[in-house]
PDBML (XML) file of the C-alpha atoms, coordinates in Angstrom:
<?xml version="1.0" encoding="UTF-8" ?>
<PDBx:datablock datablockName="MODEL"
   xmlns:PDBx="http://pdbml.pdb.org/schema/pdbx-v50.xsd"
   xmlns:xsi="http://www.w3.org/2001/XMLSchema-instance"
   xsi:schemaLocation="http://pdbml.pdb.org/schema/pdbx-v50.xsd pdbx-v50.xsd">
   <PDBx:atom_siteCategory>
      <PDBx:atom_site id="1">
         <PDBx:B_iso_or_equiv>0.00</PDBx:B_iso_or_equiv>
         <PDBx:Cartn_x>-33.698</PDBx:Cartn_x>
         <PDBx:Cartn_y>-10.078</PDBx:Cartn_y>
         <PDBx:Cartn_z>-58.130</PDBx:Cartn_z>
         <PDBx:auth_asym_id>A</PDBx:auth_asym_id>
         <PDBx:auth_atom_id>CA</PDBx:auth_atom_id>
         <PDBx:auth_comp_id>ARG</PDBx:auth_comp_id>
         <PDBx:auth_seq_id>1</PDBx:auth_seq_id>
         <PDBx:group_PDB>ATOM</PDBx:group_PDB>
         <PDBx:label_alt_id xsi:nil="true" />
         <PDBx:label_asym_id>A</PDBx:label_asym_id>
         <PDBx:label_atom_id>CA</PDBx:label_atom_id>
         <PDBx:label_comp_id>ARG</PDBx:label_comp_id>
         <PDBx:label_entity_id>1</PDBx:label_entity_id>
         <PDBx:label_seq_id>1</PDBx:label_seq_id>
         <PDBx:occupancy>1.00</PDBx:occupancy>
         <PDBx:pdbx_PDB_model_num>1</PDBx:pdbx_PDB_model_num>
         <PDBx:type_symbol>C</PDBx:type_symbol>
      </PDBx:atom_site>
      <PDBx:atom_site id="2">
         <PDBx:B_iso_or_equiv>0.00</PDBx:B_iso_or_equiv>
         <PDBx:Cartn_x>-35.867</PDBx:Cartn_x>
         <PDBx:Cartn_y>-13.057</PDBx:Cartn_y>
         <PDBx:Cartn_z>-58.929</PDBx:Cartn_z>
         <PDBx:auth_asym_id>A</PDBx:auth_asym_id>
         <PDBx:auth_atom_id>CA</PDBx:auth_atom_id>
         <PDBx:auth_comp_id>ASN</PDBx:auth_comp_id>
         <PDBx:auth_seq_id>2</PDBx:auth_seq_id>
         <PDBx:group_PDB>ATOM</PDBx:group_PDB>
         <PDBx:label_alt_id xsi:nil="true" />
         <PDBx:label_asym_id>A</PDBx:label_asym_id>
         <PDBx:label_atom_id>CA</PDBx:label_atom_id>
         <PDBx:label_comp_id>ASN</PDBx:label_comp_id>
         <PDBx:label_entity_id>1</PDBx:label_entity_id>
         <PDBx:label_seq_id>2</PDBx:label_seq_id>
         <PDBx:occupancy>1.00</PDBx:occupancy>
         <PDBx:pdbx_PDB_model_num>1</PDBx:pdbx_PDB_model_num>
         <PDBx:type_symbol>C</PDBx:type_symbol>
      </PDBx:atom_site>
      <PDBx:atom_site id="3">
         <PDBx:B_iso_or_equiv>0.00</PDBx:B_iso_or_equiv>
         <PDBx:Cartn_x>-33.615</PDBx:Cartn_x>
         <PDBx:Cartn_y>-14.800</PDBx:Cartn_y>
         <PDBx:Cartn_z>-61.427</PDBx:Cartn_z>
         <PDBx:auth_asym_id>A</PDBx:auth_asym_id>
         <PDBx:auth_atom_id>CA</PDBx:auth_atom_id>
         <PDBx:auth_comp_id>LEU</PDBx:auth_comp_id>
         <PDBx:auth_seq_id>3</PDBx:auth_seq_id>
         <PDBx:group_PDB>ATOM</PDBx:group_PDB>
         <PDBx:label_alt_id xsi:nil="true" />
         <PDBx:label_asym_id>A</PDBx:label_asym_id>
         <PDBx:label_atom_id>CA</PDBx:label_atom_id>
         <PDBx:label_comp_id>LEU</PDBx:label_comp_id>
         <PDBx:label_entity_id>1</PDBx:label_entity_id>
         <PDBx:label_seq_id>3</PDBx:label_seq_id>
         <PDBx:occupancy>1.00</PDBx:occupancy>
         <PDBx:pdbx_PDB_model_num>1</PDBx:pdbx_PDB_model_num>
         <PDBx:type_symbol>C</PDBx:type_symbol>
      </PDBx:atom_site>
      <PDBx:atom_site id="4">
         <PDBx:B_iso_or_equiv>0.00</PDBx:B_iso_or_equiv>
         <PDBx:Cartn_x>-33.616</PDBx:Cartn_x>
         <PDBx:Cartn_y>-18.416</PDBx:Cartn_y>
         <PDBx:Cartn_z>-62.534</PDBx:Cartn_z>
         <PDBx:auth_asym_id>A</PDBx:auth_asym_id>
         <PDBx:auth_atom_id>CA</PDBx:auth_atom_id>
         <PDBx:auth_comp_id>MET</PDBx:auth_comp_id>
         <PDBx:auth_seq_id>4</PDBx:auth_seq_id>
         <PDBx:group_PDB>ATOM</PDBx:group_PDB>
         <PDBx:label_alt_id xsi:nil="true" />
         <PDBx:label_asym_id>A</PDBx:label_asym_id>
         <PDBx:label_atom_id>CA</PDBx:label_atom_id>
         <PDBx:label_comp_id>MET</PDBx:label_comp_id>
         <PDBx:label_entity_id>1</PDBx:label_entity_id>
         <PDBx:label_seq_id>4</PDBx:label_seq_id>
         <PDBx:occupancy>1.00</PDBx:occupancy>
         <PDBx:pdbx_PDB_model_num>1</PDBx:pdbx_PDB_model_num>
         <PDBx:type_symbol>C</PDBx:type_symbol>
      </PDBx:atom_site>
      <PDBx:atom_site id="5">
         <PDBx:B_iso_or_equiv>0.00</PDBx:B_iso_or_equiv>
         <PDBx:Cartn_x>-30.262</PDBx:Cartn_x>
         <PDBx:Cartn_y>-19.516</PDBx:Cartn_y>
         <PDBx:Cartn_z>-63.977</PDBx:Cartn_z>
         <PDBx:auth_asym_id>A</PDBx:auth_asym_id>
         <PDBx:auth_atom_id>CA</PDBx:auth_atom_id>
         <PDBx:auth_comp_id>VAL</PDBx:auth_comp_id>
         <PDBx:auth_seq_id>5</PDBx:auth_seq_id>
         <PDBx:group_PDB>ATOM</PDBx:group_PDB>
         <PDBx:label_alt_id xsi:nil="true" />
         <PDBx:label_asym_id>A</PDBx:label_asym_id>
         <PDBx:label_atom_id>CA</PDBx:label_atom_id>
         <PDBx:label_comp_id>VAL</PDBx:label_comp_id>
         <PDBx:label_entity_id>1</PDBx:label_entity_id>
         <PDBx:label_seq_id>5</PDBx:label_seq_id>
         <PDBx:occupancy>1.00</PDBx:occupancy>
         <PDBx:pdbx_PDB_model_num>1</PDBx:pdbx_PDB_model_num>
         <PDBx:type_symbol>C</PDBx:type_symbol>
      </PDBx:atom_site>
      <PDBx:atom_site id="6">
         <PDBx:B_iso_or_equiv>0.00</PDBx:B_iso_or_equiv>
         <PDBx:Cartn_x>-29.651</PDBx:Cartn_x>
         <PDBx:Cartn_y>-22.834</PDBx:Cartn_y>
         <PDBx:Cartn_z>-65.722</PDBx:Cartn_z>
         <PDBx:auth_asym_id>A</PDBx:auth_asym_id>
         <PDBx:auth_atom_id>CA</PDBx:auth_atom_id>
         <PDBx:auth_comp_id>VAL</PDBx:auth_comp_id>
         <PDBx:auth_seq_id>6</PDBx:auth_seq_id>
         <PDBx:group_PDB>ATOM</PDBx:group_PDB>
         <PDBx:label_alt_id xsi:nil="true" />
         <PDBx:label_asym_id>A</PDBx:label_asym_id>
         <PDBx:label_atom_id>CA</PDBx:label_atom_id>
         <PDBx:label_comp_id>VAL</PDBx:label_comp_id>
         <PDBx:label_entity_id>1</PDBx:label_entity_id>
         <PDBx:label_seq_id>6</PDBx:label_seq_id>
         <PDBx:occupancy>1.00</PDBx:occupancy>
         <PDBx:pdbx_PDB_model_num>1</PDBx:pdbx_PDB_model_num>
         <PDBx:type_symbol>C</PDBx:type_symbol>
      </PDBx:atom_site>
      <PDBx:atom_site id="7">
         <PDBx:B_iso_or_equiv>0.00</PDBx:B_iso_or_equiv>
         <PDBx:Cartn_x>-25.939</PDBx:Cartn_x>
         <PDBx:Cartn_y>-23.544</PDBx:Cartn_y>
         <PDBx:Cartn_z>-66.123</PDBx:Cartn_z>
         <PDBx:auth_asym_id>A</PDBx:auth_asym_id>
         <PDBx:auth_atom_id>CA</PDBx:auth_atom_id>
         <PDBx:auth_comp_id>THR</PDBx:auth_comp_id>
         <PDBx:auth_seq_id>7</PDBx:auth_seq_id>
         <PDBx:group_PDB>ATOM</PDBx:group_PDB>
         <PDBx:label_alt_id xsi:nil="true" />
         <PDBx:label_asym_id>A</PDBx:label_asym_id>
         <PDBx:label_atom_id>CA</PDBx:label_atom_id>
         <PDBx:label_comp_id>THR</PDBx:label_comp_id>
         <PDBx:label_entity_id>1</PDBx:label_entity_id>
         <PDBx:label_seq_id>7</PDBx:label_seq_id>
         <PDBx:occupancy>1.00</PDBx:occupancy>
         <PDBx:pdbx_PDB_model_num>1</PDBx:pdbx_PDB_model_num>
         <PDBx:type_symbol>C</PDBx:type_symbol>
      </PDBx:atom_site>
      <PDBx:atom_site id="8">
         <PDBx:B_iso_or_equiv>0.00</PDBx:B_iso_or_equiv>
         <PDBx:Cartn_x>-23.489</PDBx:Cartn_x>
         <PDBx:Cartn_y>-26.295</PDBx:Cartn_y>
         <PDBx:Cartn_z>-67.014</PDBx:Cartn_z>
         <PDBx:auth_asym_id>A</PDBx:auth_asym_id>
         <PDBx:auth_atom_id>CA</PDBx:auth_atom_id>
         <PDBx:auth_comp_id>ASN</PDBx:auth_comp_id>
         <PDBx:auth_seq_id>8</PDBx:auth_seq_id>
         <PDBx:group_PDB>ATOM</PDBx:group_PDB>
         <PDBx:label_alt_id xsi:nil="true" />
         <PDBx:label_asym_id>A</PDBx:label_asym_id>
         <PDBx:label_atom_id>CA</PDBx:label_atom_id>
         <PDBx:label_comp_id>ASN</PDBx:label_comp_id>
         <PDBx:label_entity_id>1</PDBx:label_entity_id>
         <PDBx:label_seq_id>8</PDBx:label_seq_id>
         <PDBx:occupancy>1.00</PDBx:occupancy>
         <PDBx:pdbx_PDB_model_num>1</PDBx:pdbx_PDB_model_num>
         <PDBx:type_symbol>C</PDBx:type_symbol>
      </PDBx:atom_site>
      <PDBx:atom_site id="9">
         <PDBx:B_iso_or_equiv>0.00</PDBx:B_iso_or_equiv>
         <PDBx:Cartn_x>-20.734</PDBx:Cartn_x>
         <PDBx:Cartn_y>-24.360</PDBx:Cartn_y>
         <PDBx:Cartn_z>-65.247</PDBx:Cartn_z>
         <PDBx:auth_asym_id>A</PDBx:auth_asym_id>
         <PDBx:auth_atom_id>CA</PDBx:auth_atom_id>
         <PDBx:auth_comp_id>ASN</PDBx:auth_comp_id>
         <PDBx:auth_seq_id>9</PDBx:auth_seq_id>
         <PDBx:group_PDB>ATOM</PDBx:group_PDB>
         <PDBx:label_alt_id xsi:nil="true" />
         <PDBx:label_asym_id>A</PDBx:label_asym_id>
         <PDBx:label_atom_id>CA</PDBx:label_atom_id>
         <PDBx:label_comp_id>ASN</PDBx:label_comp_id>
         <PDBx:label_entity_id>1</PDBx:label_entity_id>
         <PDBx:label_seq_id>9</PDBx:label_seq_id>
         <PDBx:occupancy>1.00</PDBx:occupancy>
         <PDBx:pdbx_PDB_model_num>1</PDBx:pdbx_PDB_model_num>
         <PDBx:type_symbol>C</PDBx:type_symbol>
      </PDBx:atom_site>
      <PDBx:atom_site id="10">
         <PDBx:B_iso_or_equiv>0.00</PDBx:B_iso_or_equiv>
         <PDBx:Cartn_x>-20.080</PDBx:Cartn_x>
         <PDBx:Cartn_y>-25.294</PDBx:Cartn_y>
         <PDBx:Cartn_z>-61.611</PDBx:Cartn_z>
         <PDBx:auth_asym_id>A</PDBx:auth_asym_id>
         <PDBx:auth_atom_id>CA</PDBx:auth_atom_id>
         <PDBx:auth_comp_id>ILE</PDBx:auth_comp_id>
         <PDBx:auth_seq_id>10</PDBx:auth_seq_id>
         <PDBx:group_PDB>ATOM</PDBx:group_PDB>
         <PDBx:label_alt_id xsi:nil="true" />
         <PDBx:label_asym_id>A</PDBx:label_asym_id>
         <PDBx:label_atom_id>CA</PDBx:label_atom_id>
         <PDBx:label_comp_id>ILE</PDBx:label_comp_id>
         <PDBx:label_entity_id>1</PDBx:label_entity_id>
         <PDBx:label_seq_id>10</PDBx:label_seq_id>
         <PDBx:occupancy>1.00</PDBx:occupancy>
         <PDBx:pdbx_PDB_model_num>1</PDBx:pdbx_PDB_model_num>
         <PDBx:type_symbol>C</PDBx:type_symbol>
      </PDBx:atom_site>
      <PDBx:atom_site id="11">
         <PDBx:B_iso_or_equiv>0.00</PDBx:B_iso_or_equiv>
         <PDBx:Cartn_x>-18.130</PDBx:Cartn_x>
         <PDBx:Cartn_y>-22.052</PDBx:Cartn_y>
         <PDBx:Cartn_z>-61.118</PDBx:Cartn_z>
         <PDBx:auth_asym_id>A</PDBx:auth_asym_id>
         <PDBx:auth_atom_id>CA</PDBx:auth_atom_id>
         <PDBx:auth_comp_id>ASN</PDBx:auth_comp_id>
         <PDBx:auth_seq_id>11</PDBx:auth_seq_id>
         <PDBx:group_PDB>ATOM</PDBx:group_PDB>
         <PDBx:label_alt_id xsi:nil="true" />
         <PDBx:label_asym_id>A</PDBx:label_asym_id>
         <PDBx:label_atom_id>CA</PDBx:label_atom_id>
         <PDBx:label_comp_id>ASN</PDBx:label_comp_id>
         <PDBx:label_entity_id>1</PDBx:label_entity_id>
         <PDBx:label_seq_id>11</PDBx:label_seq_id>
         <PDBx:occupancy>1.00</PDBx:occupancy>
         <PDBx:pdbx_PDB_model_num>1</PDBx:pdbx_PDB_model_num>
         <PDBx:type_symbol>C</PDBx:type_symbol>
      </PDBx:atom_site>
      <PDBx:atom_site id="12">
         <PDBx:B_iso_or_equiv>0.00</PDBx:B_iso_or_equiv>
         <PDBx:Cartn_x>-21.161</PDBx:Cartn_x>
         <PDBx:Cartn_y>-20.009</PDBx:Cartn_y>
         <PDBx:Cartn_z>-62.204</PDBx:Cartn_z>
         <PDBx:auth_asym_id>A</PDBx:auth_asym_id>
         <PDBx:auth_atom_id>CA</PDBx:auth_atom_id>
         <PDBx:auth_comp_id>VAL</PDBx:auth_comp_id>
         <PDBx:auth_seq_id>12</PDBx:auth_seq_id>
         <PDBx:group_PDB>ATOM</PDBx:group_PDB>
         <PDBx:label_alt_id xsi:nil="true" />
         <PDBx:label_asym_id>A</PDBx:label_asym_id>
         <PDBx:label_atom_id>CA</PDBx:label_atom_id>
         <PDBx:label_comp_id>VAL</PDBx:label_comp_id>
         <PDBx:label_entity_id>1</PDBx:label_entity_id>
         <PDBx:label_seq_id>12</PDBx:label_seq_id>
         <PDBx:occupancy>1.00</PDBx:occupancy>
         <PDBx:pdbx_PDB_model_num>1</PDBx:pdbx_PDB_model_num>
         <PDBx:type_symbol>C</PDBx:type_symbol>
      </PDBx:atom_site>
      <PDBx:atom_site id="13">
         <PDBx:B_iso_or_equiv>0.00</PDBx:B_iso_or_equiv>
         <PDBx:Cartn_x>-23.344</PDBx:Cartn_x>
         <PDBx:Cartn_y>-21.920</PDBx:Cartn_y>
         <PDBx:Cartn_z>-59.738</PDBx:Cartn_z>
         <PDBx:auth_asym_id>A</PDBx:auth_asym_id>
         <PDBx:auth_atom_id>CA</PDBx:auth_atom_id>
         <PDBx:auth_comp_id>ALA</PDBx:auth_comp_id>
         <PDBx:auth_seq_id>13</PDBx:auth_seq_id>
         <PDBx:group_PDB>ATOM</PDBx:group_PDB>
         <PDBx:label_alt_id xsi:nil="true" />
         <PDBx:label_asym_id>A</PDBx:label_asym_id>
         <PDBx:label_atom_id>CA</PDBx:label_atom_id>
         <PDBx:label_comp_id>ALA</PDBx:label_comp_id>
         <PDBx:label_entity_id>1</PDBx:label_entity_id>
         <PDBx:label_seq_id>13</PDBx:label_seq_id>
         <PDBx:occupancy>1.00</PDBx:occupancy>
         <PDBx:pdbx_PDB_model_num>1</PDBx:pdbx_PDB_model_num>
         <PDBx:type_symbol>C</PDBx:type_symbol>
      </PDBx:atom_site>
      <PDBx:atom_site id="14">
         <PDBx:B_iso_or_equiv>0.00</PDBx:B_iso_or_equiv>
         <PDBx:Cartn_x>-20.865</PDBx:Cartn_x>
         <PDBx:Cartn_y>-21.305</PDBx:Cartn_y>
         <PDBx:Cartn_z>-56.914</PDBx:Cartn_z>
         <PDBx:auth_asym_id>A</PDBx:auth_asym_id>
         <PDBx:auth_atom_id>CA</PDBx:auth_atom_id>
         <PDBx:auth_comp_id>ASN</PDBx:auth_comp_id>
         <PDBx:auth_seq_id>14</PDBx:auth_seq_id>
         <PDBx:group_PDB>ATOM</PDBx:group_PDB>
         <PDBx:label_alt_id xsi:nil="true" />
         <PDBx:label_asym_id>A</PDBx:label_asym_id>
         <PDBx:label_atom_id>CA</PDBx:label_atom_id>
         <PDBx:label_comp_id>ASN</PDBx:label_comp_id>
         <PDBx:label_entity_id>1</PDBx:label_entity_id>
         <PDBx:label_seq_id>14</PDBx:label_seq_id>
         <PDBx:occupancy>1.00</PDBx:occupancy>
         <PDBx:pdbx_PDB_model_num>1</PDBx:pdbx_PDB_model_num>
         <PDBx:type_symbol>C</PDBx:type_symbol>
      </PDBx:atom_site>
      <PDBx:atom_site id="15">
         <PDBx:B_iso_or_equiv>0.00</PDBx:B_iso_or_equiv>
         <PDBx:Cartn_x>-20.766</PDBx:Cartn_x>
         <PDBx:Cartn_y>-17.577</PDBx:Cartn_y>
         <PDBx:Cartn_z>-57.703</PDBx:Cartn_z>
         <PDBx:auth_asym_id>A</PDBx:auth_asym_id>
         <PDBx:auth_atom_id>CA</PDBx:auth_atom_id>
         <PDBx:auth_comp_id>ILE</PDBx:auth_comp_id>
         <PDBx:auth_seq_id>15</PDBx:auth_seq_id>
         <PDBx:group_PDB>ATOM</PDBx:group_PDB>
         <PDBx:label_alt_id xsi:nil="true" />
         <PDBx:label_asym_id>A</PDBx:label_asym_id>
         <PDBx:label_atom_id>CA</PDBx:label_atom_id>
         <PDBx:label_comp_id>ILE</PDBx:label_comp_id>
         <PDBx:label_entity_id>1</PDBx:label_entity_id>
         <PDBx:label_seq_id>15</PDBx:label_seq_id>
         <PDBx:occupancy>1.00</PDBx:occupancy>
         <PDBx:pdbx_PDB_model_num>1</PDBx:pdbx_PDB_model_num>
         <PDBx:type_symbol>C</PDBx:type_symbol>
      </PDBx:atom_site>
      <PDBx:atom_site id="16">
         <PDBx:B_iso_or_equiv>0.00</PDBx:B_iso_or_equiv>
         <PDBx:Cartn_x>-24.552</PDBx:Cartn_x>
         <PDBx:Cartn_y>-17.206</PDBx:Cartn_y>
         <PDBx:Cartn_z>-57.817</PDBx:Cartn_z>
         <PDBx:auth_asym_id>A</PDBx:auth_asym_id>
         <PDBx:auth_atom_id>CA</PDBx:auth_atom_id>
         <PDBx:auth_comp_id>LEU</PDBx:auth_comp_id>
         <PDBx:auth_seq_id>16</PDBx:auth_seq_id>
         <PDBx:group_PDB>ATOM</PDBx:group_PDB>
         <PDBx:label_alt_id xsi:nil="true" />
         <PDBx:label_asym_id>A</PDBx:label_asym_id>
         <PDBx:label_atom_id>CA</PDBx:label_atom_id>
         <PDBx:label_comp_id>LEU</PDBx:label_comp_id>
         <PDBx:label_entity_id>1</PDBx:label_entity_id>
         <PDBx:label_seq_id>16</PDBx:label_seq_id>
         <PDBx:occupancy>1.00</PDBx:occupancy>
         <PDBx:pdbx_PDB_model_num>1</PDBx:pdbx_PDB_model_num>
         <PDBx:type_symbol>C</PDBx:type_symbol>
      </PDBx:atom_site>
      <PDBx:atom_site id="17">
         <PDBx:B_iso_or_equiv>0.00</PDBx:B_iso_or_equiv>
         <PDBx:Cartn_x>-25.038</PDBx:Cartn_x>
         <PDBx:Cartn_y>-19.038</PDBx:Cartn_y>
         <PDBx:Cartn_z>-54.516</PDBx:Cartn_z>
         <PDBx:auth_asym_id>A</PDBx:auth_asym_id>
         <PDBx:auth_atom_id>CA</PDBx:auth_atom_id>
         <PDBx:auth_comp_id>VAL</PDBx:auth_comp_id>
         <PDBx:auth_seq_id>17</PDBx:auth_seq_id>
         <PDBx:group_PDB>ATOM</PDBx:group_PDB>
         <PDBx:label_alt_id xsi:nil="true" />
         <PDBx:label_asym_id>A</PDBx:label_asym_id>
         <PDBx:label_atom_id>CA</PDBx:label_atom_id>
         <PDBx:label_comp_id>VAL</PDBx:label_comp_id>
         <PDBx:label_entity_id>1</PDBx:label_entity_id>
         <PDBx:label_seq_id>17</PDBx:label_seq_id>
         <PDBx:occupancy>1.00</PDBx:occupancy>
         <PDBx:pdbx_PDB_model_num>1</PDBx:pdbx_PDB_model_num>
         <PDBx:type_symbol>C</PDBx:type_symbol>
      </PDBx:atom_site>
      <PDBx:atom_site id="18">
         <PDBx:B_iso_or_equiv>0.00</PDBx:B_iso_or_equiv>
         <PDBx:Cartn_x>-24.282</PDBx:Cartn_x>
         <PDBx:Cartn_y>-15.635</PDBx:Cartn_y>
         <PDBx:Cartn_z>-52.959</PDBx:Cartn_z>
         <PDBx:auth_asym_id>A</PDBx:auth_asym_id>
         <PDBx:auth_atom_id>CA</PDBx:auth_atom_id>
         <PDBx:auth_comp_id>ALA</PDBx:auth_comp_id>
         <PDBx:auth_seq_id>18</PDBx:auth_seq_id>
         <PDBx:group_PDB>ATOM</PDBx:group_PDB>
         <PDBx:label_alt_id xsi:nil="true" />
         <PDBx:label_asym_id>A</PDBx:label_asym_id>
         <PDBx:label_atom_id>CA</PDBx:label_atom_id>
         <PDBx:label_comp_id>ALA</PDBx:label_comp_id>
         <PDBx:label_entity_id>1</PDBx:label_entity_id>
         <PDBx:label_seq_id>18</PDBx:label_seq_id>
         <PDBx:occupancy>1.00</PDBx:occupancy>
         <PDBx:pdbx_PDB_model_num>1</PDBx:pdbx_PDB_model_num>
         <PDBx:type_symbol>C</PDBx:type_symbol>
      </PDBx:atom_site>
      <PDBx:atom_site id="19">
         <PDBx:B_iso_or_equiv>0.00</PDBx:B_iso_or_equiv>
         <PDBx:Cartn_x>-27.483</PDBx:Cartn_x>
         <PDBx:Cartn_y>-14.235</PDBx:Cartn_y>
         <PDBx:Cartn_z>-54.504</PDBx:Cartn_z>
         <PDBx:auth_asym_id>A</PDBx:auth_asym_id>
         <PDBx:auth_atom_id>CA</PDBx:auth_atom_id>
         <PDBx:auth_comp_id>ASN</PDBx:auth_comp_id>
         <PDBx:auth_seq_id>19</PDBx:auth_seq_id>
         <PDBx:group_PDB>ATOM</PDBx:group_PDB>
         <PDBx:label_alt_id xsi:nil="true" />
         <PDBx:label_asym_id>A</PDBx:label_asym_id>
         <PDBx:label_atom_id>CA</PDBx:label_atom_id>
         <PDBx:label_comp_id>ASN</PDBx:label_comp_id>
         <PDBx:label_entity_id>1</PDBx:label_entity_id>
         <PDBx:label_seq_id>19</PDBx:label_seq_id>
         <PDBx:occupancy>1.00</PDBx:occupancy>
         <PDBx:pdbx_PDB_model_num>1</PDBx:pdbx_PDB_model_num>
         <PDBx:type_symbol>C</PDBx:type_symbol>
      </PDBx:atom_site>
      <PDBx:atom_site id="20">
         <PDBx:B_iso_or_equiv>0.00</PDBx:B_iso_or_equiv>
         <PDBx:Cartn_x>-30.391</PDBx:Cartn_x>
         <PDBx:Cartn_y>-15.450</PDBx:Cartn_y>
         <PDBx:Cartn_z>-52.347</PDBx:Cartn_z>
         <PDBx:auth_asym_id>A</PDBx:auth_asym_id>
         <PDBx:auth_atom_id>CA</PDBx:auth_atom_id>
         <PDBx:auth_comp_id>PRO</PDBx:auth_comp_id>
         <PDBx:auth_seq_id>20</PDBx:auth_seq_id>
         <PDBx:group_PDB>ATOM</PDBx:group_PDB>
         <PDBx:label_alt_id xsi:nil="true" />
         <PDBx:label_asym_id>A</PDBx:label_asym_id>
         <PDBx:label_atom_id>CA</PDBx:label_atom_id>
         <PDBx:label_comp_id>PRO</PDBx:label_comp_id>
         <PDBx:label_entity_id>1</PDBx:label_entity_id>
         <PDBx:label_seq_id>20</PDBx:label_seq_id>
         <PDBx:occupancy>1.00</PDBx:occupancy>
         <PDBx:pdbx_PDB_model_num>1</PDBx:pdbx_PDB_model_num>
         <PDBx:type_symbol>C</PDBx:type_symbol>
      </PDBx:atom_site>
      <PDBx:atom_site id="21">
         <PDBx:B_iso_or_equiv>0.00</PDBx:B_iso_or_equiv>
         <PDBx:Cartn_x>-32.853</PDBx:Cartn_x>
         <PDBx:Cartn_y>-14.195</PDBx:Cartn_y>
         <PDBx:Cartn_z>-54.961</PDBx:Cartn_z>
         <PDBx:auth_asym_id>A</PDBx:auth_asym_id>
         <PDBx:auth_atom_id>CA</PDBx:auth_atom_id>
         <PDBx:auth_comp_id>ASP</PDBx:auth_comp_id>
         <PDBx:auth_seq_id>21</PDBx:auth_seq_id>
         <PDBx:group_PDB>ATOM</PDBx:group_PDB>
         <PDBx:label_alt_id xsi:nil="true" />
         <PDBx:label_asym_id>A</PDBx:label_asym_id>
         <PDBx:label_atom_id>CA</PDBx:label_atom_id>
         <PDBx:label_comp_id>ASP</PDBx:label_comp_id>
         <PDBx:label_entity_id>1</PDBx:label_entity_id>
         <PDBx:label_seq_id>21</PDBx:label_seq_id>
         <PDBx:occupancy>1.00</PDBx:occupancy>
         <PDBx:pdbx_PDB_model_num>1</PDBx:pdbx_PDB_model_num>
         <PDBx:type_symbol>C</PDBx:type_symbol>
      </PDBx:atom_site>
      <PDBx:atom_site id="22">
         <PDBx:B_iso_or_equiv>0.00</PDBx:B_iso_or_equiv>
         <PDBx:Cartn_x>-31.518</PDBx:Cartn_x>
         <PDBx:Cartn_y>-16.503</PDBx:Cartn_y>
         <PDBx:Cartn_z>-57.677</PDBx:Cartn_z>
         <PDBx:auth_asym_id>A</PDBx:auth_asym_id>
         <PDBx:auth_atom_id>CA</PDBx:auth_atom_id>
         <PDBx:auth_comp_id>CYS</PDBx:auth_comp_id>
         <PDBx:auth_seq_id>22</PDBx:auth_seq_id>
         <PDBx:group_PDB>ATOM</PDBx:group_PDB>
         <PDBx:label_alt_id xsi:nil="true" />
         <PDBx:label_asym_id>A</PDBx:label_asym_id>
         <PDBx:label_atom_id>CA</PDBx:label_atom_id>
         <PDBx:label_comp_id>CYS</PDBx:label_comp_id>
         <PDBx:label_entity_id>1</PDBx:label_entity_id>
         <PDBx:label_seq_id>22</PDBx:label_seq_id>
         <PDBx:occupancy>1.00</PDBx:occupancy>
         <PDBx:pdbx_PDB_model_num>1</PDBx:pdbx_PDB_model_num>
         <PDBx:type_symbol>C</PDBx:type_symbol>
      </PDBx:atom_site>
      <PDBx:atom_site id="23">
         <PDBx:B_iso_or_equiv>0.00</PDBx:B_iso_or_equiv>
         <PDBx:Cartn_x>-32.797</PDBx:Cartn_x>
         <PDBx:Cartn_y>-20.026</PDBx:Cartn_y>
         <PDBx:Cartn_z>-58.315</PDBx:Cartn_z>
         <PDBx:auth_asym_id>A</PDBx:auth_asym_id>
         <PDBx:auth_atom_id>CA</PDBx:auth_atom_id>
         <PDBx:auth_comp_id>GLN</PDBx:auth_comp_id>
         <PDBx:auth_seq_id>23</PDBx:auth_seq_id>
         <PDBx:group_PDB>ATOM</PDBx:group_PDB>
         <PDBx:label_alt_id xsi:nil="true" />
         <PDBx:label_asym_id>A</PDBx:label_asym_id>
         <PDBx:label_atom_id>CA</PDBx:label_atom_id>
         <PDBx:label_comp_id>GLN</PDBx:label_comp_id>
         <PDBx:label_entity_id>1</PDBx:label_entity_id>
         <PDBx:label_seq_id>23</PDBx:label_seq_id>
         <PDBx:occupancy>1.00</PDBx:occupancy>
         <PDBx:pdbx_PDB_model_num>1</PDBx:pdbx_PDB_model_num>
         <PDBx:type_symbol>C</PDBx:type_symbol>
      </PDBx:atom_site>
      <PDBx:atom_site id="24">
         <PDBx:B_iso_or_equiv>0.00</PDBx:B_iso_or_equiv>
         <PDBx:Cartn_x>-29.962</PDBx:Cartn_x>
         <PDBx:Cartn_y>-22.168</PDBx:Cartn_y>
         <PDBx:Cartn_z>-59.726</PDBx:Cartn_z>
         <PDBx:auth_asym_id>A</PDBx:auth_asym_id>
         <PDBx:auth_atom_id>CA</PDBx:auth_atom_id>
         <PDBx:auth_comp_id>ILE</PDBx:auth_comp_id>
         <PDBx:auth_seq_id>24</PDBx:auth_seq_id>
         <PDBx:group_PDB>ATOM</PDBx:group_PDB>
         <PDBx:label_alt_id xsi:nil="true" />
         <PDBx:label_asym_id>A</PDBx:label_asym_id>
         <PDBx:label_atom_id>CA</PDBx:label_atom_id>
         <PDBx:label_comp_id>ILE</PDBx:label_comp_id>
         <PDBx:label_entity_id>1</PDBx:label_entity_id>
         <PDBx:label_seq_id>24</PDBx:label_seq_id>
         <PDBx:occupancy>1.00</PDBx:occupancy>
         <PDBx:pdbx_PDB_model_num>1</PDBx:pdbx_PDB_model_num>
         <PDBx:type_symbol>C</PDBx:type_symbol>
      </PDBx:atom_site>
   </PDBx:atom_siteCategory>
</PDBx:datablock>
């Protein structure tokens, strides 16, 4: 819960979209 993730990996972003409590 309540994560902020900075990534240069589009696959990571697509995975974490499923977590509504994660700012990407």
